[in-house]
Amino acid sequence: MSHLVKWDPFSELTALQKQFFGDDWMSPIKGVNIPTTDVYTKDNALVVEAHLPNFEQSDINIQVEDNALIVSAERHEKQEDKDKKYVVRESSSSFYRRIALPKRADADKIEAHLDEGVLKVQIPLTPLPEPKKIAIATKSSKK
């Protein structure tokens, strides 16, 4: 008697994910917070909000390159503890986002603010031209 086994096209991928990430690979990695980034338009501006709770203003770099906004941040901590056997304990964390800018973005007027761990970058957009209204003529108006 033969047994039919349902073929799962994703079984290999699932096995690899379990091998690398453990059984709970779908849940967030423990101890790692991936910063949230929101990109939206509001009042003729493109707004980028990055949640960077542990970064200082001096850790963050914002630039425009090849018609893209690049936001990066890097933080290094050095800690010395006389009671423990290690001499220096270092840790670092980083953040990087590259957002393509629309053609009507005004890169010369970009503003950025860091407030309570939330970086808000506003890129003004040139307003779209008003649509031109075309008058419709009727046969009777052609006389």
N, C-alpha and C. Protein backbone atom coordinates (compact mmCIF):
# COMPACT_ATOMS: atom_id res chain seq x y z
N MET A 1 0.85 -1.18 0.00
CA MET A 1 0.00 0.00 0.00
C MET A 1 0.90 1.24 0.00
N SER A 2 0.64 2.13 -0.92
CA SER A 2 1.46 3.33 -1.00
C SER A 2 0.74 4.50 -0.33
N HIS A 3 1.54 5.39 0.23
CA HIS A 3 0.99 6.57 0.89
C HIS A 3 1.24 7.78 0.01
N LEU A 4 0.22 8.56 -0.17
CA LEU A 4 0.39 9.80 -0.93
C LEU A 4 0.83 10.90 0.03
N VAL A 5 1.87 11.60 -0.36
CA VAL A 5 2.37 12.71 0.45
C VAL A 5 2.15 13.99 -0.34
N LYS A 6 1.52 14.94 0.28
CA LYS A 6 1.25 16.21 -0.39
C LYS A 6 2.56 16.95 -0.59
N TRP A 7 2.82 17.36 -1.82
CA TRP A 7 4.06 18.05 -2.14
C TRP A 7 3.96 19.52 -1.73
N ASP A 8 4.95 19.98 -1.00
CA ASP A 8 4.99 21.37 -0.56
C ASP A 8 6.14 22.06 -1.27
N PRO A 9 5.85 22.98 -2.20
CA PRO A 9 6.94 23.63 -2.95
C PRO A 9 7.83 24.51 -2.08
N PHE A 10 7.37 24.86 -0.89
CA PHE A 10 8.13 25.75 -0.02
C PHE A 10 8.84 25.01 1.11
N SER A 11 8.79 23.69 1.10
CA SER A 11 9.36 22.92 2.22
C SER A 11 10.86 23.16 2.37
N GLU A 12 11.58 23.25 1.22
CA GLU A 12 13.02 23.48 1.30
C GLU A 12 13.32 24.86 1.89
N LEU A 13 12.57 25.85 1.43
CA LEU A 13 12.76 27.21 1.93
C LEU A 13 12.45 27.28 3.43
N THR A 14 11.37 26.64 3.84
CA THR A 14 10.99 26.63 5.26
C THR A 14 12.07 25.96 6.10
N ALA A 15 12.62 24.86 5.58
CA ALA A 15 13.68 24.15 6.31
C ALA A 15 14.92 25.03 6.46
N LEU A 16 15.26 25.75 5.40
CA LEU A 16 16.43 26.65 5.47
C LEU A 16 16.18 27.77 6.48
N GLN A 17 14.97 28.34 6.46
CA GLN A 17 14.66 29.43 7.39
C GLN A 17 14.73 28.94 8.83
N LYS A 18 14.24 27.72 9.09
CA LYS A 18 14.32 27.17 10.45
C LYS A 18 15.77 26.93 10.84
N GLN A 19 16.58 26.49 9.87
CA GLN A 19 17.99 26.23 10.16
C GLN A 19 18.72 27.51 10.56
N PHE A 20 18.41 28.60 9.85
CA PHE A 20 19.12 29.85 10.13
C PHE A 20 18.51 30.65 11.28
N PHE A 21 17.18 30.62 11.40
CA PHE A 21 16.52 31.50 12.35
C PHE A 21 15.81 30.79 13.50
N GLY A 22 15.79 29.46 13.49
CA GLY A 22 15.07 28.74 14.53
C GLY A 22 13.61 28.61 14.17
N ASP A 23 12.82 27.96 15.04
CA ASP A 23 11.42 27.71 14.74
C ASP A 23 10.56 28.97 14.71
N ASP A 24 10.98 29.98 15.44
CA ASP A 24 10.16 31.21 15.50
C ASP A 24 10.73 32.28 14.58
N TRP A 25 11.13 31.90 13.36
CA TRP A 25 11.75 32.86 12.44
C TRP A 25 10.80 33.95 11.98
N MET A 26 9.49 33.72 12.10
CA MET A 26 8.54 34.73 11.67
C MET A 26 8.42 35.87 12.69
N SER A 27 8.75 35.58 13.93
CA SER A 27 8.63 36.61 14.96
C SER A 27 9.88 37.51 14.92
N PRO A 28 9.80 38.74 15.44
CA PRO A 28 10.96 39.62 15.42
C PRO A 28 12.14 38.99 16.15
N ILE A 29 13.32 39.30 15.68
CA ILE A 29 14.53 38.76 16.29
C ILE A 29 14.64 39.33 17.70
N LYS A 30 14.86 38.46 18.66
CA LYS A 30 14.89 38.89 20.06
C LYS A 30 16.04 39.88 20.30
N GLY A 31 15.73 40.97 20.97
CA GLY A 31 16.76 41.94 21.33
C GLY A 31 17.12 42.91 20.22
N VAL A 32 16.51 42.76 19.03
CA VAL A 32 16.83 43.65 17.92
C VAL A 32 15.57 44.42 17.57
N ASN A 33 15.68 45.73 17.61
CA ASN A 33 14.57 46.57 17.21
C ASN A 33 14.87 47.15 15.84
N ILE A 34 14.04 46.82 14.86
CA ILE A 34 14.24 47.38 13.52
C ILE A 34 13.46 48.69 13.48
N PRO A 35 14.17 49.83 13.27
CA PRO A 35 13.49 51.11 13.30
C PRO A 35 12.40 51.22 12.23
N THR A 36 11.28 51.82 12.62
CA THR A 36 10.17 52.04 11.69
C THR A 36 10.46 53.28 10.86
N THR A 37 10.16 53.19 9.57
CA THR A 37 10.30 54.34 8.67
C THR A 37 8.98 54.52 7.95
N ASP A 38 8.41 55.72 8.03
CA ASP A 38 7.17 56.05 7.32
C ASP A 38 7.49 57.06 6.24
N VAL A 39 6.96 56.85 5.04
CA VAL A 39 7.13 57.80 3.94
C VAL A 39 5.73 58.12 3.42
N TYR A 40 5.37 59.41 3.41
CA TYR A 40 4.04 59.81 2.96
C TYR A 40 4.07 61.23 2.43
N THR A 41 3.01 61.65 1.74
CA THR A 41 2.92 63.02 1.25
C THR A 41 1.88 63.77 2.07
N LYS A 42 2.18 65.05 2.31
CA LYS A 42 1.26 65.90 3.08
C LYS A 42 1.53 67.35 2.72
N ASP A 43 0.48 68.08 2.35
CA ASP A 43 0.58 69.51 2.04
C ASP A 43 1.72 69.82 1.07
N ASN A 44 1.73 69.21 -0.10
CA ASN A 44 2.76 69.45 -1.12
C ASN A 44 4.17 69.19 -0.61
N ALA A 45 4.32 68.17 0.22
CA ALA A 45 5.65 67.78 0.70
C ALA A 45 5.70 66.27 0.84
N LEU A 46 6.88 65.72 0.58
CA LEU A 46 7.14 64.32 0.86
C LEU A 46 7.74 64.28 2.25
N VAL A 47 7.19 63.46 3.13
CA VAL A 47 7.65 63.41 4.52
C VAL A 47 8.22 62.02 4.79
N VAL A 48 9.41 62.01 5.39
CA VAL A 48 10.04 60.76 5.81
C VAL A 48 10.20 60.83 7.32
N GLU A 49 9.61 59.86 8.02
CA GLU A 49 9.74 59.80 9.48
C GLU A 49 10.47 58.52 9.84
N ALA A 50 11.59 58.66 10.54
CA ALA A 50 12.35 57.50 10.99
C ALA A 50 12.40 57.52 12.51
N HIS A 51 12.03 56.40 13.11
CA HIS A 51 12.02 56.29 14.57
C HIS A 51 13.39 55.80 15.02
N LEU A 52 14.18 56.72 15.58
CA LEU A 52 15.56 56.43 16.00
C LEU A 52 15.73 56.76 17.48
N PRO A 53 15.13 55.97 18.36
CA PRO A 53 15.10 56.34 19.78
C PRO A 53 16.44 56.45 20.48
N ASN A 54 17.45 55.71 20.04
CA ASN A 54 18.72 55.73 20.76
C ASN A 54 19.82 56.52 20.07
N PHE A 55 19.44 57.32 19.07
CA PHE A 55 20.44 58.09 18.32
C PHE A 55 20.38 59.56 18.70
N GLU A 56 21.56 60.17 18.73
CA GLU A 56 21.66 61.61 18.96
C GLU A 56 21.72 62.30 17.60
N GLN A 57 21.52 63.61 17.60
CA GLN A 57 21.57 64.39 16.36
C GLN A 57 22.92 64.21 15.66
N SER A 58 24.00 64.15 16.43
CA SER A 58 25.35 64.03 15.86
C SER A 58 25.60 62.65 15.23
N ASP A 59 24.75 61.65 15.55
CA ASP A 59 24.90 60.30 14.99
C ASP A 59 24.27 60.17 13.60
N ILE A 60 23.43 61.15 13.22
CA ILE A 60 22.60 61.03 12.02
C ILE A 60 23.18 61.86 10.87
N ASN A 61 23.16 61.27 9.68
CA ASN A 61 23.63 61.94 8.48
C ASN A 61 22.52 61.87 7.42
N ILE A 62 22.19 63.04 6.83
CA ILE A 62 21.17 63.11 5.79
C ILE A 62 21.79 63.76 4.57
N GLN A 63 21.63 63.13 3.40
CA GLN A 63 22.16 63.73 2.18
C GLN A 63 21.29 63.36 0.98
N VAL A 64 21.44 64.13 -0.09
CA VAL A 64 20.75 63.85 -1.35
C VAL A 64 21.82 63.49 -2.36
N GLU A 65 21.63 62.31 -3.00
CA GLU A 65 22.60 61.82 -3.96
C GLU A 65 21.87 61.07 -5.06
N ASP A 66 22.17 61.39 -6.32
CA ASP A 66 21.54 60.72 -7.46
C ASP A 66 20.02 60.68 -7.35
N ASN A 67 19.43 61.83 -7.05
CA ASN A 67 17.98 61.98 -6.93
C ASN A 67 17.35 61.04 -5.89
N ALA A 68 18.10 60.79 -4.81
CA ALA A 68 17.59 59.97 -3.71
C ALA A 68 17.99 60.61 -2.39
N LEU A 69 17.10 60.48 -1.40
CA LEU A 69 17.38 60.94 -0.04
C LEU A 69 18.01 59.77 0.71
N ILE A 70 19.17 60.00 1.30
CA ILE A 70 19.85 58.96 2.07
C ILE A 70 19.92 59.39 3.52
N VAL A 71 19.33 58.57 4.40
CA VAL A 71 19.36 58.82 5.83
C VAL A 71 20.15 57.68 6.45
N SER A 72 21.24 58.03 7.13
CA SER A 72 22.02 56.99 7.81
C SER A 72 22.35 57.46 9.22
N ALA A 73 22.51 56.50 10.10
CA ALA A 73 22.85 56.83 11.49
C ALA A 73 23.72 55.71 12.04
N GLU A 74 24.69 56.11 12.84
CA GLU A 74 25.56 55.11 13.45
C GLU A 74 25.90 55.57 14.86
N ARG A 75 25.83 54.63 15.76
CA ARG A 75 26.09 54.95 17.17
C ARG A 75 27.06 53.92 17.74
N HIS A 76 28.09 54.43 18.38
CA HIS A 76 29.07 53.55 19.02
C HIS A 76 29.09 53.86 20.51
N GLU A 77 29.14 52.83 21.31
CA GLU A 77 29.26 53.01 22.76
C GLU A 77 30.49 52.29 23.24
N LYS A 78 31.22 52.95 24.10
CA LYS A 78 32.40 52.34 24.69
C LYS A 78 32.21 52.39 26.20
N GLN A 79 32.42 51.27 26.84
CA GLN A 79 32.16 51.21 28.27
C GLN A 79 33.32 50.47 28.94
N GLU A 80 33.80 51.05 29.99
CA GLU A 80 34.87 50.38 30.73
C GLU A 80 34.33 49.98 32.10
N ASP A 81 34.64 48.80 32.52
CA ASP A 81 34.15 48.31 33.79
C ASP A 81 35.32 47.65 34.53
N LYS A 82 35.69 48.23 35.63
CA LYS A 82 36.86 47.74 36.39
C LYS A 82 36.57 46.40 37.07
N ASP A 83 35.29 46.14 37.41
CA ASP A 83 34.95 44.92 38.14
C ASP A 83 34.91 43.67 37.26
N LYS A 84 34.80 43.86 35.95
CA LYS A 84 34.70 42.70 35.06
C LYS A 84 36.05 42.45 34.41
N LYS A 85 36.21 41.27 33.86
CA LYS A 85 37.51 40.90 33.29
C LYS A 85 37.82 41.61 31.99
N TYR A 86 36.78 42.02 31.23
CA TYR A 86 37.10 42.71 29.99
C TYR A 86 37.52 44.14 30.29
N VAL A 87 38.36 44.66 29.45
CA VAL A 87 38.87 46.02 29.65
C VAL A 87 37.90 47.04 29.05
N VAL A 88 37.48 46.78 27.82
CA VAL A 88 36.58 47.69 27.14
C VAL A 88 35.45 46.88 26.50
N ARG A 89 34.24 47.36 26.64
CA ARG A 89 33.10 46.72 25.98
C ARG A 89 32.56 47.72 24.97
N GLU A 90 32.50 47.33 23.71
CA GLU A 90 32.01 48.23 22.67
C GLU A 90 30.75 47.65 22.04
N SER A 91 29.85 48.52 21.68
CA SER A 91 28.67 48.11 20.93
C SER A 91 28.35 49.20 19.93
N SER A 92 27.71 48.80 18.86
CA SER A 92 27.32 49.80 17.86
C SER A 92 25.99 49.39 17.24
N SER A 93 25.29 50.38 16.73
CA SER A 93 24.07 50.11 16.00
C SER A 93 24.00 51.10 14.86
N SER A 94 23.36 50.69 13.78
CA SER A 94 23.30 51.57 12.62
C SER A 94 21.94 51.50 11.95
N PHE A 95 21.67 52.50 11.11
CA PHE A 95 20.41 52.64 10.40
C PHE A 95 20.74 53.20 9.03
N TYR A 96 20.08 52.69 7.98
CA TYR A 96 20.31 53.19 6.62
C TYR A 96 19.02 53.07 5.82
N ARG A 97 18.60 54.16 5.22
CA ARG A 97 17.46 54.15 4.31
C ARG A 97 17.80 55.01 3.10
N ARG A 98 17.43 54.52 1.91
CA ARG A 98 17.59 55.28 0.66
C ARG A 98 16.20 55.37 0.04
N ILE A 99 15.73 56.61 -0.15
CA ILE A 99 14.39 56.83 -0.68
C ILE A 99 14.50 57.62 -1.98
N ALA A 100 13.99 57.06 -3.07
CA ALA A 100 14.02 57.75 -4.36
C ALA A 100 13.11 58.98 -4.27
N LEU A 101 13.61 60.11 -4.76
CA LEU A 101 12.84 61.34 -4.73
C LEU A 101 12.10 61.53 -6.05
N PRO A 102 10.86 62.03 -6.00
CA PRO A 102 10.14 62.31 -7.25
C PRO A 102 10.79 63.49 -7.97
N LYS A 103 10.53 63.60 -9.28
CA LYS A 103 11.14 64.67 -10.08
C LYS A 103 10.80 66.05 -9.56
N ARG A 104 9.62 66.21 -8.97
CA ARG A 104 9.23 67.55 -8.52
C ARG A 104 9.66 67.87 -7.09
N ALA A 105 10.57 67.07 -6.54
CA ALA A 105 11.11 67.34 -5.20
C ALA A 105 12.08 68.52 -5.26
N ASP A 106 11.99 69.42 -4.30
CA ASP A 106 12.88 70.58 -4.23
C ASP A 106 13.98 70.27 -3.21
N ALA A 107 15.09 69.71 -3.69
CA ALA A 107 16.17 69.25 -2.80
C ALA A 107 16.85 70.40 -2.05
N ASP A 108 16.72 71.64 -2.57
CA ASP A 108 17.38 72.78 -1.91
C ASP A 108 16.63 73.26 -0.67
N LYS A 109 15.39 72.83 -0.50
CA LYS A 109 14.58 73.32 0.62
C LYS A 109 14.21 72.22 1.60
N ILE A 110 15.00 71.16 1.66
CA ILE A 110 14.72 70.05 2.58
C ILE A 110 14.98 70.49 4.01
N GLU A 111 14.06 70.13 4.91
CA GLU A 111 14.21 70.44 6.33
C GLU A 111 14.16 69.15 7.13
N ALA A 112 14.96 69.08 8.19
CA ALA A 112 14.97 67.89 9.04
C ALA A 112 14.94 68.31 10.51
N HIS A 113 14.16 67.56 11.31
CA HIS A 113 14.05 67.82 12.74
C HIS A 113 14.11 66.50 13.49
N LEU A 114 14.80 66.48 14.61
CA LEU A 114 14.84 65.31 15.48
C LEU A 114 14.14 65.70 16.78
N ASP A 115 13.05 64.99 17.09
CA ASP A 115 12.27 65.31 18.28
C ASP A 115 11.90 64.03 19.00
N GLU A 116 12.41 63.85 20.21
CA GLU A 116 12.13 62.68 21.05
C GLU A 116 12.31 61.36 20.30
N GLY A 117 13.44 61.25 19.59
CA GLY A 117 13.78 60.00 18.92
C GLY A 117 13.13 59.80 17.56
N VAL A 118 12.36 60.78 17.10
CA VAL A 118 11.74 60.67 15.78
C VAL A 118 12.36 61.71 14.86
N LEU A 119 13.00 61.23 13.80
CA LEU A 119 13.58 62.12 12.80
C LEU A 119 12.51 62.37 11.73
N LYS A 120 12.24 63.64 11.46
CA LYS A 120 11.24 63.99 10.45
C LYS A 120 11.91 64.84 9.38
N VAL A 121 11.92 64.33 8.15
CA VAL A 121 12.52 65.04 7.03
C VAL A 121 11.40 65.44 6.08
N GLN A 122 11.32 66.74 5.76
CA GLN A 122 10.29 67.24 4.85
C GLN A 122 10.93 67.73 3.57
N ILE A 123 10.49 67.16 2.44
CA ILE A 123 10.99 67.53 1.13
C ILE A 123 9.85 68.22 0.39
N PRO A 124 9.96 69.55 0.17
CA PRO A 124 8.88 70.25 -0.54
C PRO A 124 8.76 69.72 -1.98
N LEU A 125 7.51 69.64 -2.45
CA LEU A 125 7.24 69.23 -3.82
C LEU A 125 6.67 70.40 -4.60
N THR A 126 7.17 70.60 -5.81
CA THR A 126 6.65 71.66 -6.67
C THR A 126 5.21 71.28 -7.01
N PRO A 127 4.27 72.21 -6.80
CA PRO A 127 2.86 71.86 -7.08
C PRO A 127 2.68 71.49 -8.55
N LEU A 128 1.79 70.56 -8.79
CA LEU A 128 1.47 70.18 -10.16
C LEU A 128 0.70 71.31 -10.82
N PRO A 129 0.93 71.54 -12.11
CA PRO A 129 0.17 72.62 -12.76
C PRO A 129 -1.32 72.29 -12.78
N GLU A 130 -2.11 73.34 -12.69
CA GLU A 130 -3.57 73.15 -12.72
C GLU A 130 -3.96 72.62 -14.09
N PRO A 131 -4.90 71.68 -14.14
CA PRO A 131 -5.30 71.18 -15.45
C PRO A 131 -5.98 72.27 -16.28
N LYS A 132 -5.67 72.27 -17.57
CA LYS A 132 -6.26 73.28 -18.45
C LYS A 132 -7.64 72.81 -18.87
N LYS A 133 -8.62 73.67 -18.66
CA LYS A 133 -10.00 73.31 -19.01
C LYS A 133 -10.23 73.68 -20.46
N ILE A 134 -10.76 72.75 -21.22
CA ILE A 134 -11.04 72.95 -22.63
C ILE A 134 -12.54 73.20 -22.81
N ALA A 135 -12.85 74.29 -23.50
CA ALA A 135 -14.26 74.61 -23.76
C ALA A 135 -14.78 73.68 -24.85
N ILE A 136 -16.00 73.26 -24.73
CA ILE A 136 -16.62 72.37 -25.70
C ILE A 136 -17.58 73.19 -26.55
N ALA A 137 -17.31 73.16 -27.85
CA ALA A 137 -18.18 73.90 -28.77
C ALA A 137 -19.30 72.99 -29.26
N THR A 138 -20.45 73.59 -29.54
CA THR A 138 -21.58 72.83 -30.09
C THR A 138 -21.76 73.23 -31.55
N LYS A 139 -22.51 72.45 -32.31
CA LYS A 139 -22.75 72.75 -33.73
C LYS A 139 -23.42 74.11 -33.89
N SER A 140 -24.32 74.45 -33.01
CA SER A 140 -25.07 75.71 -33.13
C SER A 140 -24.17 76.91 -32.90
N SER A 141 -23.03 76.75 -32.18
CA SER A 141 -22.14 77.90 -31.92
C SER A 141 -21.15 78.12 -33.04
N LYS A 142 -21.14 77.24 -34.09
CA LYS A 142 -20.18 77.38 -35.20
C LYS A 142 -20.68 78.31 -36.29
N LYS A 143 -21.88 78.85 -36.28
CA LYS A 143 -22.48 79.68 -37.32
C LYS A 143 -21.60 80.73 -37.85
